[in-house]
N, C-alpha and C. Protein backbone atom coordinates (compact mmCIF):
# COMPACT_ATOMS: atom_id res chain seq x y z
N MET A 1 -12.40 -16.92 21.75
CA MET A 1 -12.08 -17.87 20.69
C MET A 1 -11.27 -17.16 19.61
N VAL A 2 -10.19 -17.79 19.17
CA VAL A 2 -9.35 -17.24 18.12
C VAL A 2 -9.96 -17.54 16.77
N ASN A 3 -10.07 -16.54 15.94
CA ASN A 3 -10.65 -16.69 14.61
C ASN A 3 -9.58 -16.34 13.59
N ASP A 4 -9.04 -17.35 12.89
CA ASP A 4 -7.96 -17.13 11.93
C ASP A 4 -8.52 -17.00 10.52
N LYS A 5 -8.13 -15.94 9.84
CA LYS A 5 -8.51 -15.73 8.46
C LYS A 5 -7.27 -15.30 7.67
N SER A 6 -7.25 -15.62 6.39
CA SER A 6 -6.09 -15.23 5.58
C SER A 6 -6.51 -14.90 4.15
N THR A 7 -5.64 -14.21 3.46
CA THR A 7 -5.80 -13.95 2.04
C THR A 7 -4.46 -14.20 1.37
N LYS A 8 -4.47 -14.55 0.10
CA LYS A 8 -3.24 -14.93 -0.58
C LYS A 8 -2.93 -13.97 -1.72
N ILE A 9 -1.64 -13.62 -1.84
CA ILE A 9 -1.15 -12.78 -2.93
C ILE A 9 0.00 -13.52 -3.60
N TYR A 10 -0.10 -13.67 -4.92
CA TYR A 10 0.95 -14.30 -5.70
C TYR A 10 1.56 -13.27 -6.63
N PHE A 11 2.90 -13.32 -6.75
CA PHE A 11 3.59 -12.45 -7.71
C PHE A 11 4.06 -13.32 -8.87
N ILE A 12 3.43 -13.10 -10.04
CA ILE A 12 3.61 -13.98 -11.18
C ILE A 12 3.84 -13.15 -12.45
N GLU A 13 4.80 -13.58 -13.25
CA GLU A 13 5.04 -12.90 -14.52
C GLU A 13 3.81 -12.98 -15.42
N ASN A 14 3.61 -11.94 -16.20
CA ASN A 14 2.54 -11.87 -17.21
C ASN A 14 1.14 -11.72 -16.60
N THR A 15 1.05 -11.41 -15.31
CA THR A 15 -0.24 -11.04 -14.73
C THR A 15 -0.31 -9.52 -14.69
N THR A 16 -1.47 -8.98 -14.30
CA THR A 16 -1.68 -7.53 -14.33
C THR A 16 -2.18 -7.04 -12.98
N VAL A 17 -2.32 -5.71 -12.87
CA VAL A 17 -2.87 -5.13 -11.65
C VAL A 17 -4.40 -5.09 -11.68
N GLY A 18 -4.97 -5.52 -12.81
CA GLY A 18 -6.42 -5.65 -12.92
C GLY A 18 -6.84 -7.09 -12.61
N PHE A 19 -8.06 -7.44 -13.03
CA PHE A 19 -8.57 -8.79 -12.77
C PHE A 19 -8.07 -9.75 -13.83
N ASP A 20 -7.41 -10.83 -13.38
CA ASP A 20 -6.86 -11.84 -14.28
C ASP A 20 -7.65 -13.14 -14.13
N ASN A 21 -8.44 -13.45 -15.14
CA ASN A 21 -9.18 -14.71 -15.11
C ASN A 21 -8.22 -15.89 -15.04
N GLY A 22 -8.53 -16.85 -14.18
CA GLY A 22 -7.68 -18.00 -14.03
C GLY A 22 -6.62 -17.83 -12.97
N TYR A 23 -6.39 -16.58 -12.52
CA TYR A 23 -5.41 -16.30 -11.47
C TYR A 23 -6.08 -15.71 -10.22
N ASP A 24 -6.89 -14.67 -10.42
CA ASP A 24 -7.55 -14.01 -9.29
C ASP A 24 -8.83 -14.76 -8.92
N GLY A 25 -9.10 -14.85 -7.62
CA GLY A 25 -10.28 -15.55 -7.16
C GLY A 25 -11.03 -14.78 -6.09
N SER A 26 -12.36 -14.67 -6.24
CA SER A 26 -13.18 -13.92 -5.29
C SER A 26 -13.40 -14.71 -4.00
N MET A 27 -13.59 -13.98 -2.92
CA MET A 27 -13.91 -14.58 -1.63
C MET A 27 -15.36 -15.05 -1.63
N PHE A 28 -15.63 -16.19 -1.02
CA PHE A 28 -17.00 -16.67 -0.89
C PHE A 28 -17.72 -15.81 0.15
N GLU A 29 -18.85 -15.22 -0.24
CA GLU A 29 -19.58 -14.32 0.64
C GLU A 29 -20.98 -14.82 0.96
N GLY A 30 -21.17 -16.13 0.85
CA GLY A 30 -22.51 -16.68 1.08
C GLY A 30 -22.90 -16.82 2.53
N ALA A 31 -21.95 -16.64 3.45
CA ALA A 31 -22.25 -16.79 4.87
C ALA A 31 -21.82 -15.54 5.62
N ASN A 32 -22.49 -15.27 6.73
CA ASN A 32 -22.11 -14.14 7.57
C ASN A 32 -20.89 -14.52 8.40
N ASN A 33 -19.85 -13.71 8.33
CA ASN A 33 -18.63 -13.98 9.08
C ASN A 33 -18.35 -12.85 10.06
N ASP A 34 -17.88 -13.23 11.25
CA ASP A 34 -17.46 -12.22 12.21
C ASP A 34 -16.17 -11.55 11.78
N LEU A 35 -15.41 -12.24 10.93
CA LEU A 35 -14.13 -11.70 10.47
C LEU A 35 -13.90 -12.14 9.03
N ALA A 36 -13.53 -11.20 8.18
CA ALA A 36 -13.17 -11.51 6.80
C ALA A 36 -11.92 -10.72 6.43
N VAL A 37 -11.01 -11.36 5.70
CA VAL A 37 -9.78 -10.73 5.24
C VAL A 37 -9.67 -10.98 3.74
N TYR A 38 -9.37 -9.93 2.99
CA TYR A 38 -9.33 -10.04 1.53
C TYR A 38 -8.49 -8.91 0.97
N THR A 39 -8.22 -8.95 -0.31
CA THR A 39 -7.59 -7.81 -0.98
C THR A 39 -8.55 -7.30 -2.05
N LYS A 40 -8.32 -6.08 -2.47
CA LYS A 40 -9.04 -5.51 -3.62
C LYS A 40 -8.03 -5.28 -4.75
N LEU A 41 -8.53 -5.19 -5.95
CA LEU A 41 -7.64 -4.98 -7.09
C LEU A 41 -6.79 -3.72 -6.90
N VAL A 42 -5.54 -3.83 -7.27
CA VAL A 42 -4.65 -2.66 -7.23
C VAL A 42 -5.16 -1.58 -8.17
N GLU A 43 -5.70 -2.00 -9.31
CA GLU A 43 -6.24 -1.04 -10.28
C GLU A 43 -7.60 -1.51 -10.77
N ASP A 44 -8.63 -0.75 -10.44
CA ASP A 44 -10.00 -1.04 -10.89
C ASP A 44 -10.77 0.28 -10.90
N GLU A 45 -10.36 1.17 -11.82
CA GLU A 45 -10.82 2.55 -11.80
C GLU A 45 -12.34 2.67 -11.85
N ASN A 46 -12.99 1.83 -12.63
CA ASN A 46 -14.44 1.94 -12.80
C ASN A 46 -15.23 0.95 -11.96
N ASN A 47 -14.56 0.33 -10.96
CA ASN A 47 -15.19 -0.68 -10.12
C ASN A 47 -15.86 -1.77 -10.95
N THR A 48 -15.20 -2.11 -12.06
CA THR A 48 -15.75 -3.11 -12.97
C THR A 48 -15.90 -4.45 -12.26
N PHE A 49 -14.87 -4.79 -11.47
CA PHE A 49 -14.89 -6.08 -10.81
C PHE A 49 -15.20 -5.95 -9.32
N ASN A 50 -14.92 -4.83 -8.73
CA ASN A 50 -15.26 -4.51 -7.34
C ASN A 50 -15.51 -5.74 -6.48
N LYS A 51 -14.55 -6.62 -6.45
CA LYS A 51 -14.71 -7.89 -5.72
C LYS A 51 -13.77 -7.96 -4.53
N LYS A 52 -14.19 -8.70 -3.53
CA LYS A 52 -13.32 -9.05 -2.43
C LYS A 52 -12.57 -10.31 -2.84
N LEU A 53 -11.24 -10.20 -2.93
CA LEU A 53 -10.45 -11.29 -3.48
C LEU A 53 -9.81 -12.14 -2.38
N ALA A 54 -10.01 -13.44 -2.48
CA ALA A 54 -9.31 -14.38 -1.60
C ALA A 54 -7.93 -14.67 -2.14
N ILE A 55 -7.79 -14.56 -3.46
CA ILE A 55 -6.51 -14.79 -4.14
C ILE A 55 -6.32 -13.67 -5.15
N GLN A 56 -5.13 -13.05 -5.14
CA GLN A 56 -4.82 -12.03 -6.14
C GLN A 56 -3.42 -12.27 -6.69
N ALA A 57 -3.31 -12.30 -8.02
CA ALA A 57 -2.01 -12.45 -8.68
C ALA A 57 -1.59 -11.09 -9.23
N LEU A 58 -0.32 -10.75 -9.01
CA LEU A 58 0.18 -9.43 -9.40
C LEU A 58 1.52 -9.56 -10.12
N PRO A 59 1.85 -8.60 -10.98
CA PRO A 59 3.11 -8.69 -11.75
C PRO A 59 4.33 -8.50 -10.86
N ILE A 60 5.25 -9.43 -10.95
CA ILE A 60 6.45 -9.37 -10.11
C ILE A 60 7.33 -8.18 -10.49
N SER A 61 7.23 -7.71 -11.72
CA SER A 61 8.06 -6.59 -12.18
C SER A 61 7.71 -5.29 -11.47
N SER A 62 6.50 -5.21 -10.89
CA SER A 62 6.08 -3.98 -10.19
C SER A 62 6.06 -4.15 -8.68
N LEU A 63 6.82 -5.11 -8.19
CA LEU A 63 6.76 -5.51 -6.79
C LEU A 63 6.81 -4.35 -5.80
N GLU A 64 7.80 -3.45 -5.96
CA GLU A 64 8.01 -2.41 -4.96
C GLU A 64 7.19 -1.15 -5.20
N THR A 65 6.52 -1.05 -6.31
CA THR A 65 5.76 0.17 -6.58
C THR A 65 4.27 0.02 -6.31
N MET A 66 3.81 -1.21 -6.16
CA MET A 66 2.38 -1.43 -5.96
C MET A 66 1.96 -1.20 -4.51
N VAL A 67 0.77 -0.64 -4.34
CA VAL A 67 0.13 -0.50 -3.04
C VAL A 67 -1.14 -1.35 -3.09
N ILE A 68 -1.19 -2.38 -2.27
CA ILE A 68 -2.27 -3.38 -2.35
C ILE A 68 -3.29 -3.13 -1.25
N PRO A 69 -4.53 -2.78 -1.59
CA PRO A 69 -5.55 -2.56 -0.56
C PRO A 69 -5.90 -3.88 0.14
N LEU A 70 -5.81 -3.86 1.47
CA LEU A 70 -6.15 -5.03 2.28
C LEU A 70 -7.49 -4.75 2.97
N GLY A 71 -8.48 -5.55 2.66
CA GLY A 71 -9.81 -5.35 3.22
C GLY A 71 -10.02 -6.15 4.49
N ILE A 72 -10.69 -5.53 5.46
CA ILE A 72 -11.01 -6.18 6.73
C ILE A 72 -12.48 -5.92 7.05
N ASP A 73 -13.22 -6.98 7.29
CA ASP A 73 -14.57 -6.89 7.87
C ASP A 73 -14.47 -7.46 9.27
N ALA A 74 -14.74 -6.65 10.29
CA ALA A 74 -14.57 -7.11 11.66
C ALA A 74 -15.45 -6.31 12.61
N LYS A 75 -15.88 -6.95 13.67
CA LYS A 75 -16.68 -6.28 14.69
C LYS A 75 -15.83 -5.33 15.51
N ALA A 76 -16.47 -4.36 16.11
CA ALA A 76 -15.77 -3.42 16.99
C ALA A 76 -15.36 -4.12 18.27
N GLY A 77 -14.26 -3.67 18.84
CA GLY A 77 -13.86 -4.13 20.17
C GLY A 77 -13.02 -5.38 20.22
N GLY A 78 -12.85 -6.05 19.10
CA GLY A 78 -12.02 -7.26 19.07
C GLY A 78 -10.63 -6.94 18.55
N GLU A 79 -9.62 -7.52 19.19
CA GLU A 79 -8.24 -7.25 18.77
C GLU A 79 -7.94 -7.96 17.45
N LEU A 80 -7.37 -7.22 16.51
CA LEU A 80 -6.92 -7.77 15.25
C LEU A 80 -5.40 -7.92 15.28
N ILE A 81 -4.91 -9.08 14.89
CA ILE A 81 -3.47 -9.35 14.88
C ILE A 81 -3.06 -9.71 13.46
N PHE A 82 -2.19 -8.89 12.86
CA PHE A 82 -1.76 -9.09 11.48
C PHE A 82 -0.36 -9.71 11.44
N SER A 83 -0.17 -10.66 10.54
CA SER A 83 1.16 -11.20 10.28
C SER A 83 1.19 -11.69 8.84
N ALA A 84 2.39 -11.92 8.32
CA ALA A 84 2.54 -12.38 6.93
C ALA A 84 3.48 -13.57 6.88
N LYS A 85 3.13 -14.56 6.09
CA LYS A 85 4.00 -15.69 5.81
C LYS A 85 4.35 -15.67 4.34
N THR A 86 5.64 -15.81 4.03
CA THR A 86 6.08 -15.77 2.64
C THR A 86 6.68 -17.10 2.23
N LEU A 87 6.53 -17.44 0.95
CA LEU A 87 7.05 -18.69 0.40
C LEU A 87 7.68 -18.38 -0.95
N ASN A 88 8.88 -18.89 -1.15
CA ASN A 88 9.62 -18.64 -2.40
C ASN A 88 9.76 -17.14 -2.67
N PHE A 89 10.04 -16.40 -1.61
CA PHE A 89 10.15 -14.95 -1.68
C PHE A 89 11.63 -14.58 -1.62
N LYS A 90 12.05 -13.59 -2.39
CA LYS A 90 13.44 -13.16 -2.34
C LYS A 90 13.79 -12.66 -0.93
N GLU A 91 14.97 -13.04 -0.45
CA GLU A 91 15.35 -12.75 0.93
C GLU A 91 15.43 -11.26 1.23
N GLU A 92 15.70 -10.44 0.22
CA GLU A 92 15.88 -9.01 0.50
C GLU A 92 14.57 -8.25 0.68
N PHE A 93 13.43 -8.92 0.47
CA PHE A 93 12.14 -8.25 0.58
C PHE A 93 11.38 -8.65 1.84
N SER A 94 10.60 -7.70 2.35
CA SER A 94 9.70 -7.95 3.47
C SER A 94 8.33 -7.37 3.15
N VAL A 95 7.32 -7.86 3.86
CA VAL A 95 5.96 -7.38 3.67
C VAL A 95 5.63 -6.39 4.79
N TYR A 96 5.24 -5.18 4.40
CA TYR A 96 4.90 -4.13 5.35
C TYR A 96 3.40 -3.86 5.31
N LEU A 97 2.84 -3.64 6.48
CA LEU A 97 1.43 -3.27 6.59
C LEU A 97 1.34 -1.79 6.94
N GLU A 98 0.62 -1.04 6.13
CA GLU A 98 0.34 0.37 6.42
C GLU A 98 -1.04 0.48 7.06
N ASP A 99 -1.12 1.10 8.22
CA ASP A 99 -2.40 1.46 8.83
C ASP A 99 -2.55 2.97 8.62
N SER A 100 -3.38 3.36 7.67
CA SER A 100 -3.48 4.77 7.29
C SER A 100 -4.19 5.61 8.34
N VAL A 101 -4.91 4.97 9.27
CA VAL A 101 -5.56 5.71 10.35
C VAL A 101 -4.56 6.02 11.46
N ASN A 102 -3.76 5.04 11.83
CA ASN A 102 -2.78 5.24 12.90
C ASN A 102 -1.42 5.72 12.39
N ASN A 103 -1.28 5.88 11.06
CA ASN A 103 -0.03 6.34 10.45
C ASN A 103 1.15 5.48 10.86
N THR A 104 1.02 4.16 10.70
CA THR A 104 2.11 3.26 11.04
C THR A 104 2.44 2.34 9.87
N PHE A 105 3.69 1.93 9.80
CA PHE A 105 4.16 0.92 8.87
C PHE A 105 4.87 -0.16 9.69
N THR A 106 4.46 -1.40 9.54
CA THR A 106 5.01 -2.49 10.34
C THR A 106 5.46 -3.61 9.42
N ASN A 107 6.65 -4.10 9.66
CA ASN A 107 7.16 -5.24 8.92
C ASN A 107 6.50 -6.50 9.48
N ILE A 108 5.38 -6.90 8.89
CA ILE A 108 4.64 -8.04 9.42
C ILE A 108 5.23 -9.37 8.97
N SER A 109 6.32 -9.32 8.21
CA SER A 109 7.09 -10.54 7.95
C SER A 109 7.87 -10.94 9.20
N GLU A 110 8.16 -9.93 10.06
CA GLU A 110 9.02 -10.18 11.22
C GLU A 110 8.30 -10.03 12.56
N LYS A 111 7.26 -9.20 12.62
CA LYS A 111 6.55 -9.03 13.87
C LYS A 111 5.07 -8.76 13.62
N GLU A 112 4.25 -9.07 14.60
CA GLU A 112 2.82 -8.88 14.46
C GLU A 112 2.44 -7.41 14.64
N TYR A 113 1.37 -7.01 13.98
CA TYR A 113 0.79 -5.69 14.21
C TYR A 113 -0.59 -5.90 14.84
N LYS A 114 -0.83 -5.22 15.96
CA LYS A 114 -2.08 -5.41 16.70
C LYS A 114 -2.85 -4.09 16.77
N VAL A 115 -4.16 -4.18 16.57
CA VAL A 115 -5.02 -3.00 16.67
C VAL A 115 -6.41 -3.46 17.06
N THR A 116 -7.10 -2.64 17.83
CA THR A 116 -8.48 -2.93 18.23
C THR A 116 -9.39 -1.86 17.67
N PRO A 117 -10.20 -2.18 16.65
CA PRO A 117 -11.08 -1.16 16.06
C PRO A 117 -12.16 -0.71 17.02
N GLU A 118 -12.41 0.59 17.04
CA GLU A 118 -13.43 1.14 17.93
C GLU A 118 -14.83 1.04 17.33
N LYS A 119 -14.90 0.80 16.02
CA LYS A 119 -16.20 0.64 15.38
C LYS A 119 -16.11 -0.47 14.33
N TYR A 120 -17.24 -0.91 13.87
CA TYR A 120 -17.28 -2.00 12.89
C TYR A 120 -16.50 -1.63 11.64
N LEU A 121 -15.66 -2.55 11.20
CA LEU A 121 -14.87 -2.33 9.98
C LEU A 121 -15.49 -3.08 8.82
N ASN A 122 -15.60 -2.41 7.72
CA ASN A 122 -16.03 -3.04 6.48
C ASN A 122 -15.43 -2.23 5.34
N THR A 123 -14.10 -2.33 5.23
CA THR A 123 -13.42 -1.41 4.34
C THR A 123 -12.11 -1.98 3.80
N ALA A 124 -11.72 -1.50 2.62
CA ALA A 124 -10.40 -1.76 2.06
C ALA A 124 -9.66 -0.44 1.88
N GLU A 125 -10.02 0.54 2.70
CA GLU A 125 -9.44 1.88 2.57
C GLU A 125 -8.68 2.32 3.83
N ARG A 126 -8.33 1.36 4.67
CA ARG A 126 -7.54 1.70 5.85
C ARG A 126 -6.17 1.02 5.83
N PHE A 127 -6.15 -0.25 5.48
CA PHE A 127 -4.91 -1.04 5.52
C PHE A 127 -4.40 -1.29 4.11
N TYR A 128 -3.07 -1.21 3.96
CA TYR A 128 -2.44 -1.44 2.65
C TYR A 128 -1.19 -2.29 2.82
N ILE A 129 -0.93 -3.14 1.83
CA ILE A 129 0.26 -3.98 1.82
C ILE A 129 1.30 -3.37 0.90
N HIS A 130 2.55 -3.30 1.41
CA HIS A 130 3.69 -2.84 0.62
C HIS A 130 4.77 -3.92 0.68
N VAL A 131 5.47 -4.12 -0.41
CA VAL A 131 6.64 -5.00 -0.42
C VAL A 131 7.86 -4.12 -0.57
N LEU A 132 8.73 -4.16 0.44
CA LEU A 132 9.88 -3.26 0.48
C LEU A 132 11.12 -4.04 0.88
N THR A 133 12.29 -3.44 0.67
CA THR A 133 13.53 -4.13 1.00
C THR A 133 13.74 -4.18 2.50
N LYS A 134 14.40 -5.25 2.95
CA LYS A 134 14.63 -5.43 4.38
C LYS A 134 15.61 -4.43 4.96
N THR A 135 16.38 -3.77 4.11
CA THR A 135 17.35 -2.79 4.61
C THR A 135 16.68 -1.54 5.14
N LEU A 136 15.37 -1.42 4.92
CA LEU A 136 14.63 -0.26 5.41
C LEU A 136 14.70 -0.19 6.93
N ASN A 137 15.02 0.98 7.47
CA ASN A 137 15.05 1.17 8.91
C ASN A 137 13.63 1.43 9.40
N ILE A 138 13.08 0.51 10.19
CA ILE A 138 11.67 0.59 10.59
C ILE A 138 11.39 1.84 11.41
N GLU A 139 12.26 2.16 12.35
CA GLU A 139 12.01 3.33 13.20
C GLU A 139 11.97 4.59 12.35
N ASN A 140 12.94 4.73 11.45
CA ASN A 140 12.97 5.90 10.60
C ASN A 140 11.77 5.94 9.68
N TYR A 141 11.37 4.77 9.19
CA TYR A 141 10.23 4.73 8.28
C TYR A 141 8.97 5.19 8.99
N ASP A 142 8.76 4.68 10.21
CA ASP A 142 7.60 5.12 10.98
C ASP A 142 7.67 6.62 11.23
N ASP A 143 8.86 7.10 11.60
CA ASP A 143 9.02 8.50 11.96
C ASP A 143 8.74 9.42 10.77
N ILE A 144 9.32 9.09 9.62
CA ILE A 144 9.12 9.95 8.46
C ILE A 144 7.67 9.88 7.97
N SER A 145 7.03 8.74 8.14
CA SER A 145 5.64 8.62 7.71
C SER A 145 4.72 9.52 8.52
N LYS A 146 5.04 9.69 9.79
CA LYS A 146 4.22 10.54 10.65
C LYS A 146 4.48 12.02 10.40
N LYS A 147 5.71 12.36 10.06
CA LYS A 147 6.09 13.77 9.93
C LYS A 147 5.83 14.34 8.54
N ILE A 148 5.90 13.49 7.53
CA ILE A 148 5.84 13.98 6.15
C ILE A 148 4.52 13.61 5.50
N ASP A 149 3.95 14.57 4.80
CA ASP A 149 2.70 14.33 4.08
C ASP A 149 2.93 14.56 2.59
N ILE A 150 2.34 13.69 1.78
CA ILE A 150 2.40 13.81 0.33
C ILE A 150 0.97 13.80 -0.18
N TYR A 151 0.61 14.79 -0.99
CA TYR A 151 -0.76 14.82 -1.47
C TYR A 151 -0.85 15.55 -2.81
N LYS A 152 -1.93 15.31 -3.53
CA LYS A 152 -2.19 16.02 -4.78
C LYS A 152 -2.74 17.39 -4.41
N SER A 153 -2.04 18.44 -4.82
CA SER A 153 -2.45 19.79 -4.45
C SER A 153 -3.16 20.52 -5.59
N ASP A 154 -3.04 19.99 -6.80
CA ASP A 154 -3.74 20.54 -7.96
C ASP A 154 -3.86 19.43 -8.99
N LYS A 155 -4.45 19.73 -10.13
CA LYS A 155 -4.71 18.69 -11.11
C LYS A 155 -3.45 17.93 -11.50
N ASN A 156 -2.36 18.65 -11.72
CA ASN A 156 -1.11 18.00 -12.11
C ASN A 156 0.05 18.44 -11.21
N LYS A 157 -0.23 18.52 -9.93
CA LYS A 157 0.79 18.90 -8.97
C LYS A 157 0.71 18.01 -7.73
N ILE A 158 1.87 17.70 -7.15
CA ILE A 158 1.91 17.05 -5.84
C ILE A 158 2.73 17.91 -4.90
N THR A 159 2.35 17.91 -3.63
CA THR A 159 3.04 18.70 -2.62
C THR A 159 3.57 17.79 -1.52
N ILE A 160 4.81 18.04 -1.11
CA ILE A 160 5.44 17.31 -0.01
C ILE A 160 5.67 18.31 1.12
N VAL A 161 5.15 17.97 2.30
CA VAL A 161 5.24 18.87 3.46
C VAL A 161 5.96 18.15 4.60
N GLY A 162 6.89 18.85 5.27
CA GLY A 162 7.48 18.33 6.50
C GLY A 162 8.86 17.72 6.37
N LEU A 163 9.47 17.81 5.19
CA LEU A 163 10.80 17.22 5.02
C LEU A 163 11.87 18.00 5.76
N GLU A 164 11.67 19.30 5.88
CA GLU A 164 12.55 20.21 6.63
C GLU A 164 14.00 20.09 6.17
N ASN A 165 14.93 19.78 7.08
CA ASN A 165 16.36 19.86 6.77
C ASN A 165 16.91 18.57 6.18
N ASN A 166 16.22 18.00 5.24
CA ASN A 166 16.66 16.75 4.63
C ASN A 166 16.49 16.82 3.12
N ASN A 167 17.50 16.35 2.41
CA ASN A 167 17.38 16.19 0.97
C ASN A 167 16.68 14.88 0.67
N ALA A 168 15.99 14.82 -0.46
CA ALA A 168 15.25 13.60 -0.79
C ALA A 168 15.11 13.47 -2.29
N THR A 169 14.85 12.24 -2.71
CA THR A 169 14.51 11.95 -4.09
C THR A 169 13.06 11.49 -4.14
N VAL A 170 12.29 12.07 -5.05
CA VAL A 170 10.89 11.70 -5.20
C VAL A 170 10.69 11.08 -6.58
N THR A 171 10.10 9.89 -6.60
CA THR A 171 9.83 9.20 -7.86
C THR A 171 8.35 8.86 -7.91
N VAL A 172 7.74 9.11 -9.06
CA VAL A 172 6.32 8.80 -9.26
C VAL A 172 6.20 7.71 -10.31
N TYR A 173 5.41 6.68 -9.98
CA TYR A 173 5.21 5.55 -10.87
C TYR A 173 3.73 5.39 -11.20
N SER A 174 3.47 4.87 -12.40
CA SER A 174 2.13 4.37 -12.68
C SER A 174 1.99 3.02 -12.00
N LEU A 175 0.78 2.48 -11.92
CA LEU A 175 0.58 1.19 -11.28
C LEU A 175 1.13 0.04 -12.13
N LEU A 176 1.55 0.33 -13.34
CA LEU A 176 2.21 -0.68 -14.17
C LEU A 176 3.72 -0.64 -13.97
N GLY A 177 4.18 0.24 -13.06
CA GLY A 177 5.60 0.32 -12.76
C GLY A 177 6.38 1.28 -13.63
N GLU A 178 5.71 2.04 -14.49
CA GLU A 178 6.39 3.00 -15.37
C GLU A 178 6.74 4.26 -14.59
N GLU A 179 7.99 4.67 -14.64
CA GLU A 179 8.43 5.89 -13.97
C GLU A 179 7.97 7.10 -14.78
N VAL A 180 7.19 7.98 -14.16
CA VAL A 180 6.66 9.15 -14.88
C VAL A 180 7.29 10.46 -14.41
N LEU A 181 7.96 10.42 -13.26
CA LEU A 181 8.63 11.62 -12.75
C LEU A 181 9.69 11.22 -11.74
N LYS A 182 10.82 11.89 -11.79
CA LYS A 182 11.86 11.74 -10.77
C LYS A 182 12.46 13.10 -10.49
N ALA A 183 12.52 13.48 -9.22
CA ALA A 183 13.00 14.82 -8.86
C ALA A 183 13.76 14.78 -7.55
N ASN A 184 14.73 15.68 -7.42
CA ASN A 184 15.48 15.84 -6.17
C ASN A 184 14.97 17.06 -5.43
N ILE A 185 14.80 16.91 -4.12
CA ILE A 185 14.33 18.01 -3.28
C ILE A 185 15.45 18.40 -2.33
N ALA A 186 15.73 19.68 -2.22
CA ALA A 186 16.75 20.18 -1.31
C ALA A 186 16.10 20.99 -0.21
N ASN A 187 16.46 20.66 1.04
CA ASN A 187 16.04 21.37 2.25
C ASN A 187 14.86 22.31 2.08
N SER A 188 13.67 21.81 2.25
CA SER A 188 12.48 22.65 2.10
C SER A 188 11.35 22.08 2.94
N VAL A 189 10.68 22.92 3.70
CA VAL A 189 9.55 22.47 4.51
C VAL A 189 8.39 22.06 3.60
N THR A 190 8.15 22.85 2.55
CA THR A 190 7.08 22.56 1.60
C THR A 190 7.61 22.63 0.18
N THR A 191 7.36 21.58 -0.58
CA THR A 191 7.80 21.52 -1.98
C THR A 191 6.64 21.09 -2.85
N THR A 192 6.41 21.80 -3.94
CA THR A 192 5.37 21.42 -4.90
C THR A 192 6.05 21.05 -6.21
N LEU A 193 5.69 19.89 -6.75
CA LEU A 193 6.26 19.39 -7.99
C LEU A 193 5.20 19.36 -9.09
N ASP A 194 5.58 19.79 -10.28
CA ASP A 194 4.69 19.72 -11.43
C ASP A 194 4.82 18.34 -12.07
N LEU A 195 3.70 17.69 -12.27
CA LEU A 195 3.68 16.40 -12.94
C LEU A 195 3.54 16.60 -14.44
N PRO A 196 4.01 15.65 -15.24
CA PRO A 196 3.72 15.73 -16.68
C PRO A 196 2.23 15.48 -16.91
N VAL A 197 1.77 15.66 -18.11
CA VAL A 197 0.37 15.39 -18.43
C VAL A 197 0.16 13.88 -18.35
N LEU A 198 -0.69 13.45 -17.42
CA LEU A 198 -0.88 12.03 -17.16
C LEU A 198 -2.34 11.64 -17.31
N SER A 199 -2.57 10.39 -17.61
CA SER A 199 -3.93 9.87 -17.70
C SER A 199 -4.56 9.82 -16.32
N THR A 200 -5.88 9.89 -16.28
CA THR A 200 -6.60 9.72 -15.02
C THR A 200 -6.30 8.34 -14.44
N GLY A 201 -6.10 8.28 -13.13
CA GLY A 201 -5.84 6.98 -12.50
C GLY A 201 -5.07 7.10 -11.21
N VAL A 202 -4.58 5.96 -10.73
CA VAL A 202 -3.85 5.89 -9.46
C VAL A 202 -2.35 5.83 -9.75
N TYR A 203 -1.58 6.59 -8.98
CA TYR A 203 -0.13 6.62 -9.12
C TYR A 203 0.52 6.43 -7.74
N VAL A 204 1.76 5.98 -7.75
CA VAL A 204 2.50 5.74 -6.51
C VAL A 204 3.66 6.72 -6.42
N VAL A 205 3.75 7.43 -5.30
CA VAL A 205 4.84 8.37 -5.04
C VAL A 205 5.77 7.74 -4.01
N LYS A 206 7.04 7.62 -4.36
CA LYS A 206 8.04 7.08 -3.43
C LYS A 206 9.04 8.17 -3.09
N LEU A 207 9.20 8.43 -1.80
CA LEU A 207 10.15 9.43 -1.31
C LEU A 207 11.27 8.71 -0.57
N ASN A 208 12.51 9.02 -0.95
CA ASN A 208 13.68 8.43 -0.29
C ASN A 208 14.56 9.54 0.27
N SER A 209 14.91 9.43 1.54
CA SER A 209 15.84 10.39 2.15
C SER A 209 16.72 9.64 3.13
N LYS A 210 17.72 10.33 3.65
CA LYS A 210 18.66 9.67 4.57
C LYS A 210 18.01 9.31 5.90
N VAL A 211 16.86 9.90 6.20
CA VAL A 211 16.18 9.59 7.46
C VAL A 211 15.03 8.61 7.29
N GLY A 212 14.83 8.11 6.08
CA GLY A 212 13.77 7.14 5.90
C GLY A 212 13.10 7.25 4.55
N LYS A 213 12.05 6.45 4.38
CA LYS A 213 11.33 6.40 3.12
C LYS A 213 9.84 6.51 3.37
N LYS A 214 9.12 6.94 2.32
CA LYS A 214 7.68 6.97 2.41
C LYS A 214 7.10 6.67 1.04
N THR A 215 6.05 5.86 1.03
CA THR A 215 5.31 5.53 -0.19
C THR A 215 3.88 5.99 -0.02
N LYS A 216 3.33 6.66 -1.02
CA LYS A 216 1.98 7.19 -0.92
C LYS A 216 1.26 7.00 -2.25
N LYS A 217 0.03 6.57 -2.18
CA LYS A 217 -0.79 6.43 -3.38
C LYS A 217 -1.59 7.72 -3.58
N ILE A 218 -1.61 8.23 -4.82
CA ILE A 218 -2.41 9.41 -5.14
C ILE A 218 -3.33 9.08 -6.31
N ILE A 219 -4.43 9.78 -6.39
CA ILE A 219 -5.39 9.58 -7.48
C ILE A 219 -5.46 10.86 -8.29
N LEU A 220 -5.22 10.75 -9.58
CA LEU A 220 -5.33 11.90 -10.49
C LEU A 220 -6.62 11.77 -11.27
N ASP A 221 -7.45 12.83 -11.23
CA ASP A 221 -8.73 12.76 -11.94
C ASP A 221 -8.91 13.99 -12.81
């Protein structure tokens, strides 16, 4: 039996990455479901609202810098099929699904992504939604995502590994879309960048090179 579930994301001016009363809506959890799909707040540092959202409104001005946690509750052994439907969406944008376990990025605006979990899922820490331009080369994006790693290597440092013989631009944003660092990297297997003094929280690192792009969320504490 096919079990269809969905969650809704709206991009609206004057909303925030936190909980917006009157815009964001929690999922009904009064019944046991074999499958649940929801999002979590893009920014909820203290788990103040820690809710599974059926509806989430986000600022359109931060469209390409936000990483949206997609939560899935599902039994083991059943195939999950992801797709996205967009309405009143700018033509140059597509919705990408990141599977952080399988290291894949799929344009689910154009094709389905299928995966069969080996164990029970009850998490918003595996799948993430990205909104990116359609000009992105999917093969290159997948390839660079598998080869390149971006991580926090010290309190105010990030390290990029695996770029090898490619130049790249690295930009770091706050979740409000504020650019806090921009740097050019020249041919280096490992590069460490010093960040400015930043507040504790979640930041988005975007890497652009001629062979593809990568977006990674980091947490500074």
